[in-house]
């Protein structure tokens, strides 16, 4: 993923905040080694407060998007890059993720943001059937049910039967929520 953004990627965890950080994330990561080191040192634990964390990340971003679009209407350049959020999860969210996504999509539509302004990619690791069902529903039906932009993609991965985490799977994870060709690909 670091290949697609010269500024690097930002990584946030649901139940871990980077010490001495106002936003709680690890930002501007540009190397594979840095990503690997981060995932070696931070261990998942606790509940899955996905909507709380998404709200915390997207609220200021949406304000920046609206401000940038308003400035563009006066002849200025766009200042906010599209955002691609990858949620790596093994369980069922302990809160209402669907409402957050619907709210974000409606705000993006109301301010005239480009269709690819925000993508949310859920990468389910493991075999939790309820999580798989909920995530598939958000991927397949959310935009139609609420008449909103399609900005969610889901990739399940269990590692069963010798299943490998291939480049194709990782491309779908990194780009499936913003590039339709990857969204429709089967892995």
N, C-alpha and C. Protein backbone atom coordinates (compact mmCIF):
# COMPACT_ATOMS: atom_id res chain seq x y z
N UNK A 1 0.82 -1.20 0.00
CA UNK A 1 0.00 0.00 0.00
C UNK A 1 0.86 1.26 0.00
N UNK A 2 2.07 1.16 0.58
CA UNK A 2 2.92 2.34 0.64
C UNK A 2 3.34 2.80 -0.74
N UNK A 3 3.28 1.93 -1.73
CA UNK A 3 3.64 2.27 -3.11
C UNK A 3 2.69 3.31 -3.69
N UNK A 4 1.44 3.33 -3.26
CA UNK A 4 0.42 4.17 -3.85
C UNK A 4 0.30 5.56 -3.23
N UNK A 5 1.09 5.85 -2.21
CA UNK A 5 1.00 7.16 -1.57
C UNK A 5 2.40 7.62 -1.17
N UNK A 6 2.89 8.65 -1.83
CA UNK A 6 4.25 9.15 -1.57
C UNK A 6 4.42 9.65 -0.14
N UNK A 7 3.33 10.09 0.49
CA UNK A 7 3.39 10.56 1.87
C UNK A 7 3.42 9.40 2.87
N UNK A 8 3.27 8.19 2.37
CA UNK A 8 3.19 7.04 3.25
C UNK A 8 1.77 6.77 3.68
N UNK A 9 1.61 5.76 4.49
CA UNK A 9 0.29 5.38 4.98
C UNK A 9 0.20 5.69 6.47
N UNK A 10 -1.02 5.80 6.94
CA UNK A 10 -1.26 6.00 8.37
C UNK A 10 -1.93 4.74 8.89
N UNK A 11 -1.52 4.29 10.06
CA UNK A 11 -2.11 3.09 10.66
C UNK A 11 -2.66 3.45 12.03
N UNK A 12 -3.93 3.08 12.24
CA UNK A 12 -4.61 3.29 13.50
C UNK A 12 -5.14 1.94 13.97
N UNK A 13 -5.18 1.73 15.25
CA UNK A 13 -5.71 0.50 15.82
C UNK A 13 -6.96 0.83 16.62
N UNK A 14 -7.88 -0.14 16.71
CA UNK A 14 -9.12 0.09 17.45
C UNK A 14 -8.87 0.27 18.94
N UNK A 15 -8.01 -0.56 19.51
CA UNK A 15 -7.82 -0.57 20.96
C UNK A 15 -6.41 -0.17 21.38
N UNK A 16 -5.72 0.55 20.54
CA UNK A 16 -4.36 0.99 20.89
C UNK A 16 -4.15 2.38 20.31
N UNK A 17 -3.72 3.29 21.13
CA UNK A 17 -3.38 4.64 20.68
C UNK A 17 -1.89 4.82 20.80
N UNK A 18 -1.28 5.38 19.79
CA UNK A 18 0.15 5.67 19.84
C UNK A 18 0.39 6.63 21.01
N UNK A 19 1.33 6.29 21.88
CA UNK A 19 1.62 7.19 23.00
C UNK A 19 2.04 8.58 22.52
N UNK A 20 1.63 9.59 23.25
CA UNK A 20 1.97 10.99 22.96
C UNK A 20 1.48 11.47 21.59
N UNK A 21 0.37 10.93 21.14
CA UNK A 21 -0.19 11.32 19.85
C UNK A 21 -1.61 11.80 20.05
N UNK A 22 -1.95 12.95 19.50
CA UNK A 22 -3.31 13.48 19.67
C UNK A 22 -4.34 12.67 18.90
N UNK A 23 -3.97 12.11 17.77
CA UNK A 23 -4.90 11.34 16.95
C UNK A 23 -4.77 9.85 17.18
N UNK A 24 -3.71 9.41 17.86
CA UNK A 24 -3.56 8.02 18.23
C UNK A 24 -3.03 7.10 17.17
N UNK A 25 -2.61 7.62 16.04
CA UNK A 25 -2.16 6.77 14.95
C UNK A 25 -0.69 6.90 14.65
N UNK A 26 -0.23 5.98 13.84
CA UNK A 26 1.14 5.98 13.34
C UNK A 26 1.06 6.51 11.91
N UNK A 27 1.66 7.66 11.65
CA UNK A 27 1.45 8.34 10.37
C UNK A 27 2.70 8.37 9.50
N UNK A 28 2.44 8.56 8.21
CA UNK A 28 3.50 8.73 7.21
C UNK A 28 4.49 7.56 7.18
N UNK A 29 3.98 6.36 7.28
CA UNK A 29 4.82 5.16 7.22
C UNK A 29 5.10 4.87 5.75
N UNK A 30 6.37 4.74 5.41
CA UNK A 30 6.74 4.60 3.99
C UNK A 30 7.46 3.30 3.65
N UNK A 31 7.76 2.48 4.65
CA UNK A 31 8.50 1.25 4.34
C UNK A 31 7.76 0.02 4.83
N UNK A 32 8.00 -1.07 4.14
CA UNK A 32 7.43 -2.35 4.54
C UNK A 32 7.94 -2.75 5.91
N UNK A 33 9.22 -2.49 6.17
CA UNK A 33 9.82 -2.84 7.45
C UNK A 33 9.12 -2.13 8.61
N UNK A 34 8.77 -0.87 8.42
CA UNK A 34 8.08 -0.12 9.47
C UNK A 34 6.69 -0.70 9.74
N UNK A 35 5.99 -1.10 8.68
CA UNK A 35 4.68 -1.73 8.85
C UNK A 35 4.83 -3.05 9.60
N UNK A 36 5.78 -3.86 9.18
CA UNK A 36 6.00 -5.16 9.83
C UNK A 36 6.35 -4.98 11.30
N UNK A 37 7.21 -4.03 11.60
CA UNK A 37 7.60 -3.77 12.98
C UNK A 37 6.41 -3.35 13.82
N UNK A 38 5.56 -2.51 13.26
CA UNK A 38 4.38 -2.06 13.98
C UNK A 38 3.46 -3.23 14.31
N UNK A 39 3.25 -4.13 13.35
CA UNK A 39 2.37 -5.26 13.59
C UNK A 39 3.00 -6.31 14.50
N UNK A 40 4.30 -6.26 14.68
CA UNK A 40 4.96 -7.14 15.64
C UNK A 40 4.81 -6.61 17.06
N UNK A 41 4.73 -5.30 17.21
CA UNK A 41 4.72 -4.72 18.55
C UNK A 41 3.33 -4.43 19.10
N UNK A 42 2.35 -4.18 18.25
CA UNK A 42 0.99 -3.89 18.72
C UNK A 42 0.15 -5.15 18.60
N UNK A 43 -0.45 -5.55 19.70
CA UNK A 43 -1.27 -6.76 19.72
C UNK A 43 -2.75 -6.41 19.88
N UNK A 44 -3.61 -7.05 19.07
CA UNK A 44 -5.05 -6.78 19.21
C UNK A 44 -5.58 -7.33 20.53
N UNK A 45 -6.52 -6.60 21.12
CA UNK A 45 -7.16 -7.06 22.35
C UNK A 45 -8.46 -6.30 22.55
N UNK A 46 -9.32 -6.87 23.36
CA UNK A 46 -10.55 -6.18 23.73
C UNK A 46 -11.66 -6.27 22.71
N UNK A 47 -12.61 -5.37 22.85
CA UNK A 47 -13.79 -5.34 21.98
C UNK A 47 -13.42 -4.79 20.61
N UNK A 48 -14.42 -4.63 19.77
CA UNK A 48 -14.21 -4.16 18.39
C UNK A 48 -15.03 -2.89 18.16
N UNK A 49 -14.59 -1.75 18.72
CA UNK A 49 -15.35 -0.50 18.61
C UNK A 49 -15.10 0.21 17.27
N UNK A 50 -15.50 -0.45 16.20
CA UNK A 50 -15.18 0.04 14.86
C UNK A 50 -15.83 1.38 14.56
N UNK A 51 -17.11 1.55 14.92
CA UNK A 51 -17.77 2.83 14.58
C UNK A 51 -17.15 3.99 15.34
N UNK A 52 -16.76 3.76 16.58
CA UNK A 52 -16.13 4.82 17.37
C UNK A 52 -14.84 5.29 16.70
N UNK A 53 -14.02 4.34 16.28
CA UNK A 53 -12.74 4.69 15.67
C UNK A 53 -12.94 5.31 14.29
N UNK A 54 -13.85 4.74 13.48
CA UNK A 54 -14.12 5.33 12.16
C UNK A 54 -14.63 6.76 12.31
N UNK A 55 -15.52 6.99 13.25
CA UNK A 55 -16.03 8.35 13.48
C UNK A 55 -14.90 9.28 13.87
N UNK A 56 -14.04 8.83 14.75
CA UNK A 56 -12.92 9.65 15.20
C UNK A 56 -12.00 10.01 14.03
N UNK A 57 -11.78 9.08 13.12
CA UNK A 57 -10.90 9.33 11.98
C UNK A 57 -11.57 10.16 10.89
N UNK A 58 -12.84 9.88 10.64
CA UNK A 58 -13.51 10.50 9.49
C UNK A 58 -14.12 11.87 9.77
N UNK A 59 -14.48 12.16 10.99
CA UNK A 59 -15.11 13.46 11.28
C UNK A 59 -14.22 14.62 10.84
N UNK A 60 -12.96 14.69 11.27
CA UNK A 60 -12.12 15.81 10.81
C UNK A 60 -11.80 15.74 9.32
N UNK A 61 -11.69 14.54 8.79
CA UNK A 61 -11.41 14.38 7.36
C UNK A 61 -12.56 14.92 6.52
N UNK A 62 -13.80 14.62 6.92
CA UNK A 62 -14.97 15.11 6.19
C UNK A 62 -15.04 16.64 6.21
N UNK A 63 -14.67 17.23 7.33
CA UNK A 63 -14.64 18.70 7.41
C UNK A 63 -13.60 19.26 6.44
N UNK A 64 -12.44 18.60 6.35
CA UNK A 64 -11.40 19.03 5.40
C UNK A 64 -11.87 18.89 3.96
N UNK A 65 -12.56 17.79 3.66
CA UNK A 65 -13.07 17.56 2.30
C UNK A 65 -14.06 18.66 1.93
N UNK A 66 -15.02 18.94 2.81
CA UNK A 66 -16.02 19.97 2.53
C UNK A 66 -15.36 21.33 2.33
N UNK A 67 -14.38 21.64 3.17
CA UNK A 67 -13.66 22.91 3.05
C UNK A 67 -12.88 22.98 1.74
N UNK A 68 -12.24 21.89 1.37
CA UNK A 68 -11.47 21.84 0.12
C UNK A 68 -12.38 22.02 -1.10
N UNK A 69 -13.53 21.37 -1.08
CA UNK A 69 -14.47 21.48 -2.20
C UNK A 69 -15.01 22.91 -2.30
N UNK A 70 -15.26 23.52 -1.15
CA UNK A 70 -15.73 24.91 -1.15
C UNK A 70 -14.65 25.83 -1.73
N UNK A 71 -13.39 25.60 -1.37
CA UNK A 71 -12.29 26.41 -1.91
C UNK A 71 -12.13 26.16 -3.41
N UNK A 72 -12.33 24.92 -3.85
CA UNK A 72 -12.25 24.61 -5.28
C UNK A 72 -13.29 25.41 -6.06
N UNK A 73 -14.46 25.59 -5.46
CA UNK A 73 -15.51 26.34 -6.15
C UNK A 73 -15.12 27.79 -6.39
N UNK A 74 -14.10 28.25 -5.65
CA UNK A 74 -13.59 29.61 -5.83
C UNK A 74 -12.28 29.63 -6.62
N UNK A 75 -11.97 28.51 -7.29
CA UNK A 75 -10.81 28.46 -8.17
C UNK A 75 -9.52 27.94 -7.57
N UNK A 76 -9.55 27.47 -6.35
CA UNK A 76 -8.34 26.93 -5.72
C UNK A 76 -8.19 25.44 -6.05
N UNK A 77 -6.99 24.91 -5.88
CA UNK A 77 -6.76 23.48 -6.11
C UNK A 77 -7.32 22.65 -4.97
N UNK A 78 -7.64 21.39 -5.30
CA UNK A 78 -8.07 20.45 -4.26
C UNK A 78 -6.89 20.22 -3.31
N UNK A 79 -7.18 20.19 -2.03
CA UNK A 79 -6.11 20.03 -1.05
C UNK A 79 -6.21 18.74 -0.24
N UNK A 80 -7.26 17.99 -0.43
CA UNK A 80 -7.45 16.77 0.35
C UNK A 80 -7.43 15.56 -0.58
N UNK A 81 -6.47 14.68 -0.32
CA UNK A 81 -6.38 13.46 -1.12
C UNK A 81 -7.48 12.49 -0.71
N UNK A 82 -7.91 11.63 -1.63
CA UNK A 82 -8.86 10.58 -1.26
C UNK A 82 -8.29 9.70 -0.15
N UNK A 83 -9.17 9.19 0.68
CA UNK A 83 -8.76 8.33 1.78
C UNK A 83 -9.25 6.91 1.59
N UNK A 84 -8.39 5.96 1.87
CA UNK A 84 -8.74 4.55 1.78
C UNK A 84 -8.48 3.93 3.15
N UNK A 85 -9.54 3.56 3.83
CA UNK A 85 -9.43 2.99 5.17
C UNK A 85 -9.54 1.48 5.05
N UNK A 86 -8.54 0.80 5.57
CA UNK A 86 -8.54 -0.66 5.58
C UNK A 86 -8.72 -1.10 7.03
N UNK A 87 -9.82 -1.80 7.28
CA UNK A 87 -10.13 -2.28 8.62
C UNK A 87 -9.83 -3.78 8.64
N UNK A 88 -8.79 -4.15 9.37
CA UNK A 88 -8.45 -5.56 9.52
C UNK A 88 -9.13 -6.03 10.79
N UNK A 89 -10.00 -7.03 10.66
CA UNK A 89 -10.81 -7.45 11.80
C UNK A 89 -10.96 -8.97 11.83
N UNK A 90 -11.17 -9.50 13.03
CA UNK A 90 -11.44 -10.92 13.16
C UNK A 90 -12.80 -11.17 13.79
N UNK A 91 -13.50 -10.11 14.15
CA UNK A 91 -14.75 -10.32 14.86
C UNK A 91 -15.86 -9.38 14.45
N UNK A 92 -16.97 -9.54 15.14
CA UNK A 92 -18.15 -8.71 14.90
C UNK A 92 -17.94 -7.37 15.60
N UNK A 93 -18.20 -6.26 14.91
CA UNK A 93 -18.08 -4.96 15.58
C UNK A 93 -19.00 -4.90 16.79
N UNK A 94 -18.52 -4.25 17.85
CA UNK A 94 -19.32 -4.16 19.07
C UNK A 94 -20.20 -2.90 19.08
N UNK A 95 -20.33 -2.26 17.91
CA UNK A 95 -21.12 -1.04 17.83
C UNK A 95 -21.76 -0.93 16.45
N UNK A 96 -22.27 0.24 16.09
CA UNK A 96 -23.07 0.41 14.88
C UNK A 96 -22.27 1.02 13.73
N UNK A 97 -21.47 0.20 13.07
CA UNK A 97 -20.62 0.65 11.97
C UNK A 97 -21.47 1.12 10.79
N UNK A 98 -22.56 0.43 10.53
CA UNK A 98 -23.41 0.75 9.38
C UNK A 98 -23.86 2.21 9.40
N UNK A 99 -24.32 2.70 10.54
CA UNK A 99 -24.78 4.09 10.64
C UNK A 99 -23.68 5.08 10.34
N UNK A 100 -22.47 4.79 10.81
CA UNK A 100 -21.34 5.68 10.54
C UNK A 100 -21.07 5.75 9.04
N UNK A 101 -21.06 4.60 8.38
CA UNK A 101 -20.78 4.55 6.94
C UNK A 101 -21.86 5.30 6.16
N UNK A 102 -23.12 5.06 6.51
CA UNK A 102 -24.22 5.75 5.83
C UNK A 102 -24.10 7.26 6.02
N UNK A 103 -23.81 7.69 7.23
CA UNK A 103 -23.65 9.12 7.52
C UNK A 103 -22.50 9.72 6.72
N UNK A 104 -21.37 9.04 6.67
CA UNK A 104 -20.21 9.52 5.91
C UNK A 104 -20.56 9.64 4.43
N UNK A 105 -21.20 8.60 3.88
CA UNK A 105 -21.56 8.62 2.46
C UNK A 105 -22.50 9.78 2.15
N UNK A 106 -23.47 10.02 3.01
CA UNK A 106 -24.41 11.13 2.78
C UNK A 106 -23.71 12.48 2.86
N UNK A 107 -22.77 12.63 3.78
CA UNK A 107 -22.03 13.89 3.87
C UNK A 107 -21.16 14.10 2.64
N UNK A 108 -20.53 13.03 2.16
CA UNK A 108 -19.72 13.14 0.95
C UNK A 108 -20.59 13.53 -0.25
N UNK A 109 -21.77 12.92 -0.34
CA UNK A 109 -22.68 13.25 -1.44
C UNK A 109 -23.15 14.70 -1.33
N UNK A 110 -23.48 15.13 -0.12
CA UNK A 110 -24.03 16.49 0.03
C UNK A 110 -23.01 17.57 -0.28
N UNK A 111 -21.73 17.29 -0.11
CA UNK A 111 -20.73 18.32 -0.42
C UNK A 111 -20.15 18.15 -1.82
N UNK A 112 -20.62 17.14 -2.56
CA UNK A 112 -20.19 16.96 -3.94
C UNK A 112 -18.82 16.32 -4.09
N UNK A 113 -18.42 15.49 -3.14
CA UNK A 113 -17.12 14.82 -3.22
C UNK A 113 -17.11 13.79 -4.35
N UNK A 114 -15.93 13.56 -4.91
CA UNK A 114 -15.79 12.57 -5.98
C UNK A 114 -16.15 11.19 -5.44
N UNK A 115 -16.63 10.29 -6.31
CA UNK A 115 -17.07 8.96 -5.85
C UNK A 115 -16.00 8.17 -5.10
N UNK A 116 -14.74 8.42 -5.39
CA UNK A 116 -13.65 7.66 -4.77
C UNK A 116 -13.00 8.43 -3.61
N UNK A 117 -13.68 9.43 -3.07
CA UNK A 117 -13.08 10.25 -2.00
C UNK A 117 -12.75 9.41 -0.76
N UNK A 118 -13.64 8.51 -0.40
CA UNK A 118 -13.40 7.64 0.75
C UNK A 118 -13.78 6.22 0.37
N UNK A 119 -12.88 5.30 0.67
CA UNK A 119 -13.17 3.88 0.53
C UNK A 119 -12.92 3.22 1.87
N UNK A 120 -13.79 2.27 2.22
CA UNK A 120 -13.61 1.52 3.46
C UNK A 120 -13.55 0.05 3.09
N UNK A 121 -12.42 -0.55 3.36
CA UNK A 121 -12.16 -1.94 3.02
C UNK A 121 -12.09 -2.76 4.30
N UNK A 122 -12.98 -3.73 4.44
CA UNK A 122 -12.93 -4.63 5.59
C UNK A 122 -12.20 -5.90 5.17
N UNK A 123 -11.15 -6.22 5.88
CA UNK A 123 -10.36 -7.43 5.63
C UNK A 123 -10.59 -8.33 6.82
N UNK A 124 -11.47 -9.34 6.63
CA UNK A 124 -11.80 -10.24 7.73
C UNK A 124 -10.81 -11.39 7.77
N UNK A 125 -10.12 -11.51 8.87
CA UNK A 125 -9.17 -12.59 9.09
C UNK A 125 -9.81 -13.55 10.09
N UNK A 126 -10.03 -14.79 9.67
CA UNK A 126 -10.63 -15.77 10.57
C UNK A 126 -11.95 -16.28 10.06
N UNK A 127 -12.62 -17.02 10.95
CA UNK A 127 -13.83 -17.76 10.53
C UNK A 127 -15.09 -17.34 11.29
N UNK A 128 -15.14 -16.20 11.88
CA UNK A 128 -16.31 -15.78 12.65
C UNK A 128 -17.49 -15.60 11.70
N UNK A 129 -18.48 -16.55 11.71
CA UNK A 129 -19.56 -16.51 10.72
C UNK A 129 -20.44 -15.26 10.82
N UNK A 130 -20.72 -14.78 12.03
CA UNK A 130 -21.55 -13.58 12.17
C UNK A 130 -20.85 -12.36 11.59
N UNK A 131 -19.54 -12.27 11.82
CA UNK A 131 -18.77 -11.16 11.25
C UNK A 131 -18.78 -11.23 9.73
N UNK A 132 -18.59 -12.42 9.19
CA UNK A 132 -18.58 -12.60 7.73
C UNK A 132 -19.91 -12.16 7.13
N UNK A 133 -21.00 -12.54 7.77
CA UNK A 133 -22.33 -12.19 7.29
C UNK A 133 -22.56 -10.67 7.34
N UNK A 134 -22.21 -10.05 8.46
CA UNK A 134 -22.39 -8.60 8.62
C UNK A 134 -21.56 -7.82 7.60
N UNK A 135 -20.31 -8.23 7.42
CA UNK A 135 -19.42 -7.53 6.49
C UNK A 135 -19.88 -7.70 5.05
N UNK A 136 -20.32 -8.90 4.70
CA UNK A 136 -20.81 -9.14 3.34
C UNK A 136 -22.04 -8.29 3.06
N UNK A 137 -22.91 -8.16 4.05
CA UNK A 137 -24.11 -7.33 3.91
C UNK A 137 -23.73 -5.86 3.67
N UNK A 138 -22.73 -5.36 4.41
CA UNK A 138 -22.31 -3.97 4.21
C UNK A 138 -21.71 -3.79 2.81
N UNK A 139 -20.98 -4.77 2.35
CA UNK A 139 -20.36 -4.69 1.02
C UNK A 139 -21.41 -4.76 -0.08
N UNK A 140 -22.31 -5.73 0.01
CA UNK A 140 -23.22 -6.01 -1.09
C UNK A 140 -24.51 -5.19 -1.09
N UNK A 141 -25.01 -4.79 0.07
CA UNK A 141 -26.35 -4.21 0.10
C UNK A 141 -26.44 -2.79 0.66
N UNK A 142 -25.42 -2.32 1.31
CA UNK A 142 -25.52 -1.02 1.99
C UNK A 142 -25.87 0.11 1.03
N UNK A 143 -25.18 0.18 -0.10
CA UNK A 143 -25.43 1.30 -1.02
C UNK A 143 -26.84 1.25 -1.59
N UNK A 144 -27.35 0.07 -1.89
CA UNK A 144 -28.70 -0.06 -2.42
C UNK A 144 -29.77 0.18 -1.38
N UNK A 145 -29.55 -0.32 -0.19
CA UNK A 145 -30.53 -0.17 0.90
C UNK A 145 -30.74 1.30 1.26
N UNK A 146 -29.67 2.06 1.32
CA UNK A 146 -29.75 3.46 1.76
C UNK A 146 -29.59 4.47 0.62
N UNK A 147 -29.48 3.97 -0.61
CA UNK A 147 -29.30 4.83 -1.78
C UNK A 147 -28.11 5.78 -1.59
N UNK A 148 -26.97 5.18 -1.25
CA UNK A 148 -25.74 5.94 -1.05
C UNK A 148 -24.65 5.39 -1.97
N UNK A 149 -23.55 6.11 -2.06
CA UNK A 149 -22.42 5.67 -2.87
C UNK A 149 -21.89 4.33 -2.33
N UNK A 150 -21.34 3.53 -3.24
CA UNK A 150 -20.73 2.26 -2.86
C UNK A 150 -19.28 2.53 -2.48
N UNK A 151 -19.00 2.53 -1.20
CA UNK A 151 -17.65 2.84 -0.74
C UNK A 151 -17.10 1.76 0.18
N UNK A 152 -17.78 0.60 0.23
CA UNK A 152 -17.36 -0.49 1.10
C UNK A 152 -17.02 -1.71 0.27
N UNK A 153 -15.95 -2.37 0.64
CA UNK A 153 -15.58 -3.66 0.05
C UNK A 153 -15.15 -4.56 1.20
N UNK A 154 -15.34 -5.85 1.03
CA UNK A 154 -14.97 -6.81 2.06
C UNK A 154 -14.19 -7.96 1.44
N UNK A 155 -13.12 -8.35 2.10
CA UNK A 155 -12.35 -9.51 1.69
C UNK A 155 -12.21 -10.43 2.90
N UNK A 156 -12.79 -11.64 2.82
CA UNK A 156 -12.57 -12.60 3.90
C UNK A 156 -11.31 -13.41 3.61
N UNK A 157 -10.60 -13.78 4.65
CA UNK A 157 -9.41 -14.62 4.48
C UNK A 157 -9.26 -15.50 5.71
N UNK A 158 -9.23 -16.81 5.48
CA UNK A 158 -9.12 -17.74 6.60
C UNK A 158 -7.77 -18.45 6.65
N UNK A 159 -7.09 -18.53 5.53
CA UNK A 159 -5.84 -19.29 5.49
C UNK A 159 -6.07 -20.78 5.43
N UNK A 160 -7.34 -21.19 5.24
CA UNK A 160 -7.67 -22.61 5.16
C UNK A 160 -7.13 -23.25 3.89
N UNK A 161 -6.95 -24.54 3.94
CA UNK A 161 -6.62 -25.36 2.77
C UNK A 161 -5.45 -24.77 1.98
N UNK A 162 -4.45 -24.31 2.68
CA UNK A 162 -3.27 -23.79 2.00
C UNK A 162 -3.47 -22.44 1.33
N UNK A 163 -4.59 -21.78 1.61
CA UNK A 163 -4.87 -20.47 1.02
C UNK A 163 -3.75 -19.51 1.38
N UNK A 164 -3.18 -18.87 0.37
CA UNK A 164 -2.07 -17.95 0.60
C UNK A 164 -2.54 -16.51 0.53
N UNK A 165 -1.84 -15.69 1.25
CA UNK A 165 -2.09 -14.25 1.19
C UNK A 165 -1.27 -13.71 0.03
N UNK A 166 -1.87 -13.76 -1.17
CA UNK A 166 -1.17 -13.43 -2.41
C UNK A 166 -1.21 -11.94 -2.71
N UNK A 167 -0.42 -11.55 -3.71
CA UNK A 167 -0.42 -10.15 -4.15
C UNK A 167 -1.82 -9.74 -4.62
N UNK A 168 -2.55 -10.66 -5.27
CA UNK A 168 -3.90 -10.36 -5.74
C UNK A 168 -4.84 -10.06 -4.56
N UNK A 169 -4.72 -10.86 -3.51
CA UNK A 169 -5.54 -10.63 -2.32
C UNK A 169 -5.19 -9.27 -1.70
N UNK A 170 -3.91 -8.99 -1.58
CA UNK A 170 -3.49 -7.72 -0.97
C UNK A 170 -3.89 -6.52 -1.81
N UNK A 171 -3.86 -6.65 -3.15
CA UNK A 171 -4.33 -5.56 -4.01
C UNK A 171 -5.81 -5.30 -3.79
N UNK A 172 -6.59 -6.38 -3.68
CA UNK A 172 -8.02 -6.21 -3.42
C UNK A 172 -8.24 -5.55 -2.06
N UNK A 173 -7.45 -5.95 -1.08
CA UNK A 173 -7.57 -5.35 0.25
C UNK A 173 -7.21 -3.86 0.20
N UNK A 174 -6.12 -3.53 -0.47
CA UNK A 174 -5.66 -2.13 -0.50
C UNK A 174 -6.53 -1.24 -1.38
N UNK A 175 -7.07 -1.78 -2.47
CA UNK A 175 -7.73 -0.93 -3.46
C UNK A 175 -9.19 -1.28 -3.74
N UNK A 176 -9.70 -2.36 -3.18
CA UNK A 176 -11.05 -2.82 -3.51
C UNK A 176 -12.16 -1.84 -3.21
N UNK A 177 -11.99 -1.00 -2.23
CA UNK A 177 -13.06 -0.05 -1.88
C UNK A 177 -13.03 1.20 -2.74
N UNK A 178 -11.98 1.40 -3.54
CA UNK A 178 -11.90 2.61 -4.36
C UNK A 178 -11.70 2.35 -5.85
N UNK A 179 -11.29 1.15 -6.22
CA UNK A 179 -11.10 0.81 -7.64
C UNK A 179 -12.07 -0.31 -7.97
N UNK A 180 -13.09 0.00 -8.77
CA UNK A 180 -14.16 -0.96 -9.05
C UNK A 180 -13.65 -2.30 -9.60
N UNK A 181 -12.62 -2.28 -10.42
CA UNK A 181 -12.07 -3.52 -10.98
C UNK A 181 -11.62 -4.46 -9.86
N UNK A 182 -11.00 -3.91 -8.83
CA UNK A 182 -10.56 -4.73 -7.70
C UNK A 182 -11.74 -5.09 -6.80
N UNK A 183 -12.73 -4.22 -6.71
CA UNK A 183 -13.92 -4.50 -5.90
C UNK A 183 -14.62 -5.75 -6.41
N UNK A 184 -14.72 -5.88 -7.72
CA UNK A 184 -15.45 -7.01 -8.31
C UNK A 184 -14.62 -8.28 -8.42
N UNK A 185 -13.31 -8.19 -8.22
CA UNK A 185 -12.48 -9.38 -8.38
C UNK A 185 -12.74 -10.38 -7.25
N UNK A 186 -12.64 -11.64 -7.58
CA UNK A 186 -12.83 -12.72 -6.61
C UNK A 186 -11.45 -13.22 -6.20
N UNK A 187 -11.26 -13.35 -4.90
CA UNK A 187 -9.97 -13.86 -4.42
C UNK A 187 -10.19 -15.04 -3.50
